[in-house]
Amino acid sequence: MDRMIVDDKNKLIIVIGAFGSGKSEYSINLARVYNGVGAVSLVDLDVVNPYFRSRYIREQFTQEGIDVIAPEFEFGHADVPMISPRIRGAILDTTKTVILDVGGDPDGCRALARFIDDINTREYSMHYVVNTKRPFTMTADEIVVMRQNLEYISQLKITELVCNTNLMELTDVELITQGIEIVGEVATREGLVFRHYLVLDDKENKYPPEINGVKKVSLSHFLTKPWEAKMRGNSFC
C-alpha cells in the first residue's frame, strides 16, 4: 500500500481545503501515519461541514493511542465553533505531532485566527487539499484565488498542495492526471510543494505509483454520511 511521505515527527500540520475536497479524510489518515513514528493529537476545527468531521472517529482512534480533540458529547454534532480549551495546549505541545483539521472554506479558517500567535511559536506546515472537480477549485486561477482567501483569513501561509481530484465511481487515470496537471501548474506558479495525489485504498490498484512525478497515496476510508451509517448500522462515536 502506498503511503505518504512522513517528515520529522512532532510537527504542527494544518489541513485545509474547499468543501468536498476530502481534507478531513486526509487529516485522519495523516494522523494514523504519524502515529507510527510518535505521539499524535488530531484536532477537529471543522465548524463548516456537518457530514464529514474527524470527531466521528474519536472512539476508534482513542483505542489506537491517538488523541482526538473535538467538541464533547452533546456538542459533537453542533455546527457552531465550540472551541475546546485543549486546542491551545495541543498546539503548544511540541512532544507530539499535531494535526489541525480546519473548516472547508474561508469561514472555517476564521477559527484558526484565535490561535495565530500560538501557531507561530512553533514550526508548522499547511496542506491545501484540492479536488479539481469541485466548484471554485476547477482551474489553476480558481485554486490560486481560493488559496489567497484562505491565507488572508487564517493569517497563515499554505506550504503544500495535495491533489484529491475524483468523481467517486467515475474516477479514472485520465481524470486524476488532469487534476494533477492543474494542481501542478499552481505549485509551479506559487512556489509550493506538491508531492501527493490521493486515492481510496480499495481502488489503489487502478492507479500508477506516480503520475507526472507525483506520488500516489492510498487512504483508508473512515468518514461516512449520516444516512449511509444508518443503513449500515454504524454510529458516529
C-alpha atoms as a PDB file:
ATOM      1  CA  MET A   1       0.000   0.000   0.000  1.00  0.00           C
ATOM      2  CA  ASP A   2       1.374   3.416  -0.941  1.00  0.00           C
ATOM      3  CA  ARG A   3       1.757   5.806   1.967  1.00  0.00           C
ATOM      4  CA  MET A   4       2.505   9.482   2.228  1.00  0.00           C
ATOM      5  CA  ILE A   5       5.982  10.862   2.787  1.00  0.00           C
ATOM      6  CA  VAL A   6       6.459  11.439   6.521  1.00  0.00           C
ATOM      7  CA  ASP A   7       8.549  14.424   7.571  1.00  0.00           C
ATOM      8  CA  ASP A   8      10.086  14.808  11.010  1.00  0.00           C
ATOM      9  CA  LYS A   9       7.748  13.906  13.859  1.00  0.00           C
ATOM     10  CA  ASN A  10       6.466  16.411  16.431  1.00  0.00           C
ATOM     11  CA  LYS A  11       5.352  18.899  13.783  1.00  0.00           C
ATOM     12  CA  LEU A  12       2.241  21.041  13.576  1.00  0.00           C
ATOM     13  CA  ILE A  13       0.344  20.273  10.355  1.00  0.00           C
ATOM     14  CA  ILE A  14      -2.703  22.309   9.365  1.00  0.00           C
ATOM     15  CA  VAL A  15      -5.007  20.753   6.761  1.00  0.00           C
ATOM     16  CA  ILE A  16      -7.443  22.934   4.852  1.00  0.00           C
ATOM     17  CA  GLY A  17      -9.476  22.633   1.669  1.00  0.00           C
ATOM     18  CA  ALA A  18     -12.683  23.692  -0.016  1.00  0.00           C
ATOM     19  CA  PHE A  19     -15.989  21.965   0.738  1.00  0.00           C
ATOM     20  CA  GLY A  20     -15.870  18.394  -0.579  1.00  0.00           C
ATOM     21  CA  SER A  21     -12.111  18.338  -1.085  1.00  0.00           C
ATOM     22  CA  GLY A  22     -11.552  15.312   1.157  1.00  0.00           C
ATOM     23  CA  LYS A  23      -9.371  17.175   3.632  1.00  0.00           C
ATOM     24  CA  SER A  24     -10.917  15.516   6.722  1.00  0.00           C
ATOM     25  CA  GLU A  25     -10.282  12.026   5.340  1.00  0.00           C
ATOM     26  CA  TYR A  26      -6.733  13.124   4.562  1.00  0.00           C
ATOM     27  CA  SER A  27      -6.297  14.541   8.088  1.00  0.00           C
ATOM     28  CA  ILE A  28      -7.431  11.289   9.662  1.00  0.00           C
ATOM     29  CA  ASN A  29      -5.090   9.185   7.547  1.00  0.00           C
ATOM     30  CA  LEU A  30      -2.256  11.629   8.209  1.00  0.00           C
ATOM     31  CA  ALA A  31      -2.792  11.150  11.950  1.00  0.00           C
ATOM     32  CA  ARG A  32      -2.543   7.370  11.580  1.00  0.00           C
ATOM     33  CA  VAL A  33       0.672   7.613   9.574  1.00  0.00           C
ATOM     34  CA  TYR A  34       2.366   9.888  12.115  1.00  0.00           C
ATOM     35  CA  ASN A  35       1.106   7.707  14.946  1.00  0.00           C
ATOM     36  CA  GLY A  36       3.513   5.116  13.605  1.00  0.00           C
ATOM     37  CA  VAL A  37       6.509   7.308  14.470  1.00  0.00           C
ATOM     38  CA  GLY A  38       5.395   9.069  17.658  1.00  0.00           C
ATOM     39  CA  ALA A  39       2.561  10.558  19.709  1.00  0.00           C
ATOM     40  CA  VAL A  40      -0.196  12.358  17.764  1.00  0.00           C
ATOM     41  CA  SER A  41      -3.051  14.736  18.506  1.00  0.00           C
ATOM     42  CA  LEU A  42      -5.788  15.202  15.877  1.00  0.00           C
ATOM     43  CA  VAL A  43      -7.728  18.420  16.412  1.00  0.00           C
ATOM     44  CA  ASP A  44     -11.157  18.845  14.803  1.00  0.00           C
ATOM     45  CA  LEU A  45     -11.604  22.526  13.946  1.00  0.00           C
ATOM     46  CA  ASP A  46     -14.159  21.896  11.192  1.00  0.00           C
ATOM     47  CA  VAL A  47     -17.084  24.157  12.065  1.00  0.00           C
ATOM     48  CA  VAL A  48     -18.410  24.221   8.489  1.00  0.00           C
ATOM     49  CA  ASN A  49     -19.227  20.748   7.202  1.00  0.00           C
ATOM     50  CA  PRO A  50     -21.805  18.823   9.277  1.00  0.00           C
ATOM     51  CA  TYR A  51     -21.284  15.495   7.498  1.00  0.00           C
ATOM     52  CA  PHE A  52     -17.535  14.860   7.333  1.00  0.00           C
ATOM     53  CA  ARG A  53     -15.749  15.538  10.595  1.00  0.00           C
ATOM     54  CA  SER A  54     -12.801  13.856  12.221  1.00  0.00           C
ATOM     55  CA  ARG A  55     -14.562  13.884  15.612  1.00  0.00           C
ATOM     56  CA  TYR A  56     -16.635  10.895  14.434  1.00  0.00           C
ATOM     57  CA  ILE A  57     -13.663   8.533  14.685  1.00  0.00           C
ATOM     58  CA  ARG A  58     -12.681   9.550  18.234  1.00  0.00           C
ATOM     59  CA  GLU A  59     -13.527   6.236  19.902  1.00  0.00           C
ATOM     60  CA  GLN A  60     -11.548   4.155  17.404  1.00  0.00           C
ATOM     61  CA  PHE A  61      -8.548   6.470  17.467  1.00  0.00           C
ATOM     62  CA  THR A  62      -8.502   6.630  21.267  1.00  0.00           C
ATOM     63  CA  GLN A  63      -8.089   2.858  21.231  1.00  0.00           C
ATOM     64  CA  GLU A  64      -5.167   3.270  18.822  1.00  0.00           C
ATOM     65  CA  GLY A  65      -3.487   5.833  21.077  1.00  0.00           C
ATOM     66  CA  ILE A  66      -4.331   8.923  19.002  1.00  0.00           C
ATOM     67  CA  ASP A  67      -5.701  11.864  20.980  1.00  0.00           C
ATOM     68  CA  VAL A  68      -8.725  13.357  19.176  1.00  0.00           C
ATOM     69  CA  ILE A  69      -9.686  16.840  20.377  1.00  0.00           C
ATOM     70  CA  ALA A  70     -13.210  17.827  19.336  1.00  0.00           C
ATOM     71  CA  PRO A  71     -16.497  19.141  20.780  1.00  0.00           C
ATOM     72  CA  GLU A  72     -17.688  16.886  23.577  1.00  0.00           C
ATOM     73  CA  PHE A  73     -20.862  14.814  23.824  1.00  0.00           C
ATOM     74  CA  GLU A  74     -23.937  16.984  23.233  1.00  0.00           C
ATOM     75  CA  PHE A  75     -21.858  19.443  21.207  1.00  0.00           C
ATOM     76  CA  GLY A  76     -20.412  16.723  18.986  1.00  0.00           C
ATOM     77  CA  HIS A  77     -22.872  17.412  16.149  1.00  0.00           C
ATOM     78  CA  ALA A  78     -23.034  21.194  16.634  1.00  0.00           C
ATOM     79  CA  ASP A  79     -22.450  23.387  13.604  1.00  0.00           C
ATOM     80  CA  VAL A  80     -21.012  26.189  15.721  1.00  0.00           C
ATOM     81  CA  PRO A  81     -17.397  26.839  16.695  1.00  0.00           C
ATOM     82  CA  MET A  82     -17.330  25.095  20.097  1.00  0.00           C
ATOM     83  CA  ILE A  83     -13.614  25.707  20.609  1.00  0.00           C
ATOM     84  CA  SER A  84     -12.098  23.433  23.240  1.00  0.00           C
ATOM     85  CA  PRO A  85      -9.511  24.998  25.577  1.00  0.00           C
ATOM     86  CA  ARG A  86      -7.454  21.843  24.954  1.00  0.00           C
ATOM     87  CA  ILE A  87      -6.666  23.052  21.437  1.00  0.00           C
ATOM     88  CA  ARG A  88      -4.208  25.700  22.598  1.00  0.00           C
ATOM     89  CA  GLY A  89      -2.458  23.165  24.804  1.00  0.00           C
ATOM     90  CA  ALA A  90      -2.172  20.751  21.891  1.00  0.00           C
ATOM     91  CA  ILE A  91      -0.751  23.396  19.572  1.00  0.00           C
ATOM     92  CA  LEU A  92       1.923  24.267  22.123  1.00  0.00           C
ATOM     93  CA  ASP A  93       2.799  20.635  22.914  1.00  0.00           C
ATOM     94  CA  THR A  94       5.995  20.069  20.944  1.00  0.00           C
ATOM     95  CA  THR A  95       6.298  16.481  22.219  1.00  0.00           C
ATOM     96  CA  LYS A  96       3.568  15.433  19.750  1.00  0.00           C
ATOM     97  CA  THR A  97       2.750  15.742  16.084  1.00  0.00           C
ATOM     98  CA  VAL A  98      -0.392  17.893  15.983  1.00  0.00           C
ATOM     99  CA  ILE A  99      -2.794  17.837  13.033  1.00  0.00           C
ATOM    100  CA  LEU A 100      -5.456  20.532  12.750  1.00  0.00           C
ATOM    101  CA  ASP A 101      -8.444  19.593  10.558  1.00  0.00           C
ATOM    102  CA  VAL A 102      -9.811  23.016   9.628  1.00  0.00           C
ATOM    103  CA  GLY A 103     -13.161  24.017   8.139  1.00  0.00           C
ATOM    104  CA  GLY A 104     -13.516  23.737   4.405  1.00  0.00           C
ATOM    105  CA  ASP A 105     -13.794  27.363   3.308  1.00  0.00           C
ATOM    106  CA  PRO A 106     -12.654  30.861   4.378  1.00  0.00           C
ATOM    107  CA  ASP A 107     -15.349  30.976   7.073  1.00  0.00           C
ATOM    108  CA  GLY A 108     -13.928  27.819   8.588  1.00  0.00           C
ATOM    109  CA  CYS A 109     -10.434  29.312   8.609  1.00  0.00           C
ATOM    110  CA  ARG A 110     -11.544  32.037  11.000  1.00  0.00           C
ATOM    111  CA  ALA A 111     -11.270  29.524  13.841  1.00  0.00           C
ATOM    112  CA  LEU A 112      -7.505  29.481  13.238  1.00  0.00           C
ATOM    113  CA  ALA A 113      -7.202  33.210  13.918  1.00  0.00           C
ATOM    114  CA  ARG A 114      -7.776  32.538  17.632  1.00  0.00           C
ATOM    115  CA  PHE A 115      -4.539  30.589  17.747  1.00  0.00           C
ATOM    116  CA  ILE A 116      -2.349  32.580  15.365  1.00  0.00           C
ATOM    117  CA  ASP A 117       0.237  33.586  17.998  1.00  0.00           C
ATOM    118  CA  ASP A 118       0.475  30.039  19.357  1.00  0.00           C
ATOM    119  CA  ILE A 119       0.815  28.537  15.866  1.00  0.00           C
ATOM    120  CA  ASN A 120       3.601  30.945  15.006  1.00  0.00           C
ATOM    121  CA  THR A 121       5.568  29.951  18.106  1.00  0.00           C
ATOM    122  CA  ARG A 122       6.354  26.548  16.560  1.00  0.00           C
ATOM    123  CA  GLU A 123       7.201  25.282  13.105  1.00  0.00           C
ATOM    124  CA  TYR A 124       4.115  24.463  11.046  1.00  0.00           C
ATOM    125  CA  SER A 125       3.149  23.320   7.588  1.00  0.00           C
ATOM    126  CA  MET A 126      -0.227  23.910   5.941  1.00  0.00           C
ATOM    127  CA  HIS A 127      -1.559  21.365   3.439  1.00  0.00           C
ATOM    128  CA  TYR A 128      -4.190  22.544   0.958  1.00  0.00           C
ATOM    129  CA  VAL A 129      -6.218  19.588  -0.336  1.00  0.00           C
ATOM    130  CA  VAL A 130      -7.696  20.216  -3.795  1.00  0.00           C
ATOM    131  CA  ASN A 131     -10.349  18.371  -5.791  1.00  0.00           C
ATOM    132  CA  THR A 132     -10.427  20.000  -9.215  1.00  0.00           C
ATOM    133  CA  LYS A 133     -13.909  18.566  -9.796  1.00  0.00           C
ATOM    134  CA  ARG A 134     -15.457  20.745  -7.093  1.00  0.00           C
ATOM    135  CA  PRO A 135     -16.741  24.319  -7.520  1.00  0.00           C
ATOM    136  CA  PHE A 136     -14.240  27.160  -7.095  1.00  0.00           C
ATOM    137  CA  THR A 137     -11.172  24.882  -7.470  1.00  0.00           C
ATOM    138  CA  MET A 138     -11.657  23.629 -11.036  1.00  0.00           C
ATOM    139  CA  THR A 139      -8.912  25.730 -12.655  1.00  0.00           C
ATOM    140  CA  ALA A 140      -5.474  26.930 -11.658  1.00  0.00           C
ATOM    141  CA  ASP A 141      -6.732  30.505 -11.368  1.00  0.00           C
ATOM    142  CA  GLU A 142      -9.612  29.451  -9.081  1.00  0.00           C
ATOM    143  CA  ILE A 143      -7.255  27.462  -6.868  1.00  0.00           C
ATOM    144  CA  VAL A 144      -4.940  30.462  -6.553  1.00  0.00           C
ATOM    145  CA  VAL A 145      -7.844  32.728  -5.585  1.00  0.00           C
ATOM    146  CA  MET A 146      -9.033  30.201  -3.002  1.00  0.00           C
ATOM    147  CA  ARG A 147      -5.509  29.956  -1.652  1.00  0.00           C
ATOM    148  CA  GLN A 148      -5.303  33.730  -1.305  1.00  0.00           C
ATOM    149  CA  ASN A 149      -8.642  33.860   0.516  1.00  0.00           C
ATOM    150  CA  LEU A 150      -7.716  31.059   2.909  1.00  0.00           C
ATOM    151  CA  GLU A 151      -4.358  32.633   3.696  1.00  0.00           C
ATOM    152  CA  TYR A 152      -5.841  36.085   4.198  1.00  0.00           C
ATOM    153  CA  ILE A 153      -8.472  34.916   6.662  1.00  0.00           C
ATOM    154  CA  SER A 154      -6.299  32.394   8.520  1.00  0.00           C
ATOM    155  CA  GLN A 155      -3.275  34.750   8.533  1.00  0.00           C
ATOM    156  CA  LEU A 156      -1.122  31.716   7.755  1.00  0.00           C
ATOM    157  CA  LYS A 157       0.738  30.504   4.663  1.00  0.00           C
ATOM    158  CA  ILE A 158      -0.056  27.376   2.677  1.00  0.00           C
ATOM    159  CA  THR A 159       3.116  25.348   2.169  1.00  0.00           C
ATOM    160  CA  GLU A 160       1.976  22.213   0.340  1.00  0.00           C
ATOM    161  CA  LEU A 161      -0.665  21.184  -2.215  1.00  0.00           C
ATOM    162  CA  VAL A 162      -2.344  17.765  -2.215  1.00  0.00           C
ATOM    163  CA  CYS A 163      -4.392  16.571  -5.206  1.00  0.00           C
ATOM    164  CA  ASN A 164      -7.597  14.655  -4.452  1.00  0.00           C
ATOM    165  CA  THR A 165      -9.289  15.025  -7.830  1.00  0.00           C
ATOM    166  CA  ASN A 166     -12.104  12.484  -8.132  1.00  0.00           C
ATOM    167  CA  LEU A 167     -15.677  11.914  -9.251  1.00  0.00           C
ATOM    168  CA  MET A 168     -16.322   8.960  -6.961  1.00  0.00           C
ATOM    169  CA  GLU A 169     -17.030   5.827  -9.056  1.00  0.00           C
ATOM    170  CA  LEU A 170     -16.450   7.769 -12.299  1.00  0.00           C
ATOM    171  CA  THR A 171     -12.819   8.438 -11.417  1.00  0.00           C
ATOM    172  CA  ASP A 172     -10.171   7.119 -13.813  1.00  0.00           C
ATOM    173  CA  VAL A 173      -6.480   7.695 -14.556  1.00  0.00           C
ATOM    174  CA  GLU A 174      -7.209  10.366 -17.161  1.00  0.00           C
ATOM    175  CA  LEU A 175      -9.343  12.384 -14.741  1.00  0.00           C
ATOM    176  CA  ILE A 176      -6.728  12.169 -11.980  1.00  0.00           C
ATOM    177  CA  THR A 177      -3.977  13.118 -14.435  1.00  0.00           C
ATOM    178  CA  GLN A 178      -5.932  16.214 -15.462  1.00  0.00           C
ATOM    179  CA  GLY A 179      -6.232  17.189 -11.802  1.00  0.00           C
ATOM    180  CA  ILE A 180      -2.533  16.664 -11.192  1.00  0.00           C
ATOM    181  CA  GLU A 181      -1.686  18.853 -14.179  1.00  0.00           C
ATOM    182  CA  ILE A 182      -3.875  21.676 -12.839  1.00  0.00           C
ATOM    183  CA  VAL A 183      -2.538  21.422  -9.296  1.00  0.00           C
ATOM    184  CA  GLY A 184       0.992  21.127 -10.655  1.00  0.00           C
ATOM    185  CA  GLU A 185       0.549  24.372 -12.552  1.00  0.00           C
ATOM    186  CA  VAL A 186      -0.454  26.093  -9.315  1.00  0.00           C
ATOM    187  CA  ALA A 187       2.518  24.602  -7.461  1.00  0.00           C
ATOM    188  CA  THR A 188       4.903  25.905 -10.125  1.00  0.00           C
ATOM    189  CA  ARG A 189       3.311  29.356 -10.256  1.00  0.00           C
ATOM    190  CA  GLU A 190       3.095  29.762  -6.488  1.00  0.00           C
ATOM    191  CA  GLY A 191       6.303  28.014  -5.465  1.00  0.00           C
ATOM    192  CA  LEU A 192       4.553  25.341  -3.358  1.00  0.00           C
ATOM    193  CA  VAL A 193       5.463  21.744  -2.557  1.00  0.00           C
ATOM    194  CA  PHE A 194       3.352  19.169  -4.427  1.00  0.00           C
ATOM    195  CA  ARG A 195       4.168  15.531  -3.644  1.00  0.00           C
ATOM    196  CA  HIS A 196       0.959  13.509  -3.327  1.00  0.00           C
ATOM    197  CA  TYR A 197      -2.204  12.527  -5.116  1.00  0.00           C
ATOM    198  CA  LEU A 198      -4.875  10.639  -3.176  1.00  0.00           C
ATOM    199  CA  VAL A 199      -6.970   7.540  -3.892  1.00  0.00           C
ATOM    200  CA  LEU A 200      -9.006   5.254  -1.643  1.00  0.00           C
ATOM    201  CA  ASP A 201      -7.214   2.035  -0.795  1.00  0.00           C
ATOM    202  CA  ASP A 202      -9.943  -0.199  -2.253  1.00  0.00           C
ATOM    203  CA  LYS A 203      -9.237   1.386  -5.665  1.00  0.00           C
ATOM    204  CA  GLU A 204      -5.484   1.850  -5.388  1.00  0.00           C
ATOM    205  CA  ASN A 205      -4.606  -0.907  -7.884  1.00  0.00           C
ATOM    206  CA  LYS A 206      -6.317   1.084 -10.650  1.00  0.00           C
ATOM    207  CA  TYR A 207      -3.705   3.850 -10.493  1.00  0.00           C
ATOM    208  CA  PRO A 208       0.079   4.009 -11.009  1.00  0.00           C
ATOM    209  CA  PRO A 209       2.531   4.692  -8.158  1.00  0.00           C
ATOM    210  CA  GLU A 210       3.357   8.070  -9.711  1.00  0.00           C
ATOM    211  CA  ILE A 211       1.782  10.409 -12.246  1.00  0.00           C
ATOM    212  CA  ASN A 212       3.949  13.241 -13.588  1.00  0.00           C
ATOM    213  CA  GLY A 213       6.316  12.697 -10.653  1.00  0.00           C
ATOM    214  CA  VAL A 214       3.540  12.968  -8.047  1.00  0.00           C
ATOM    215  CA  LYS A 215       3.387  10.004  -5.661  1.00  0.00           C
ATOM    216  CA  LYS A 216       0.175   8.033  -5.110  1.00  0.00           C
ATOM    217  CA  VAL A 217      -1.120   7.859  -1.521  1.00  0.00           C
ATOM    218  CA  SER A 218      -3.792   5.323  -0.596  1.00  0.00           C
ATOM    219  CA  LEU A 219      -6.280   6.459   2.050  1.00  0.00           C
ATOM    220  CA  SER A 220      -8.328   4.203   4.281  1.00  0.00           C
ATOM    221  CA  HIS A 221     -11.992   5.228   4.235  1.00  0.00           C
ATOM    222  CA  PHE A 222     -13.245   6.352   7.662  1.00  0.00           C
ATOM    223  CA  LEU A 223     -15.923   9.002   7.270  1.00  0.00           C
ATOM    224  CA  THR A 224     -19.488   8.127   6.360  1.00  0.00           C
ATOM    225  CA  LYS A 225     -22.518  10.284   5.695  1.00  0.00           C
ATOM    226  CA  PRO A 226     -25.183  10.004   8.424  1.00  0.00           C
ATOM    227  CA  TRP A 227     -27.700   8.283   6.116  1.00  0.00           C
ATOM    228  CA  GLU A 228     -25.055   5.768   4.999  1.00  0.00           C
ATOM    229  CA  ALA A 229     -24.163   4.977   8.593  1.00  0.00           C
ATOM    230  CA  LYS A 230     -27.813   4.365   9.454  1.00  0.00           C
ATOM    231  CA  MET A 231     -28.183   1.976   6.531  1.00  0.00           C
ATOM    232  CA  ARG A 232     -25.070   0.075   7.587  1.00  0.00           C
ATOM    233  CA  GLY A 233     -25.962   0.036  11.271  1.00  0.00           C
ATOM    234  CA  ASN A 234     -22.965   2.184  12.206  1.00  0.00           C
ATOM    235  CA  SER A 235     -22.835   5.080  14.633  1.00  0.00           C
ATOM    236  CA  PHE A 236     -20.812   8.261  14.810  1.00  0.00           C
ATOM    237  CA  CYS A 237     -18.943   7.944  18.112  1.00  0.00           C
END
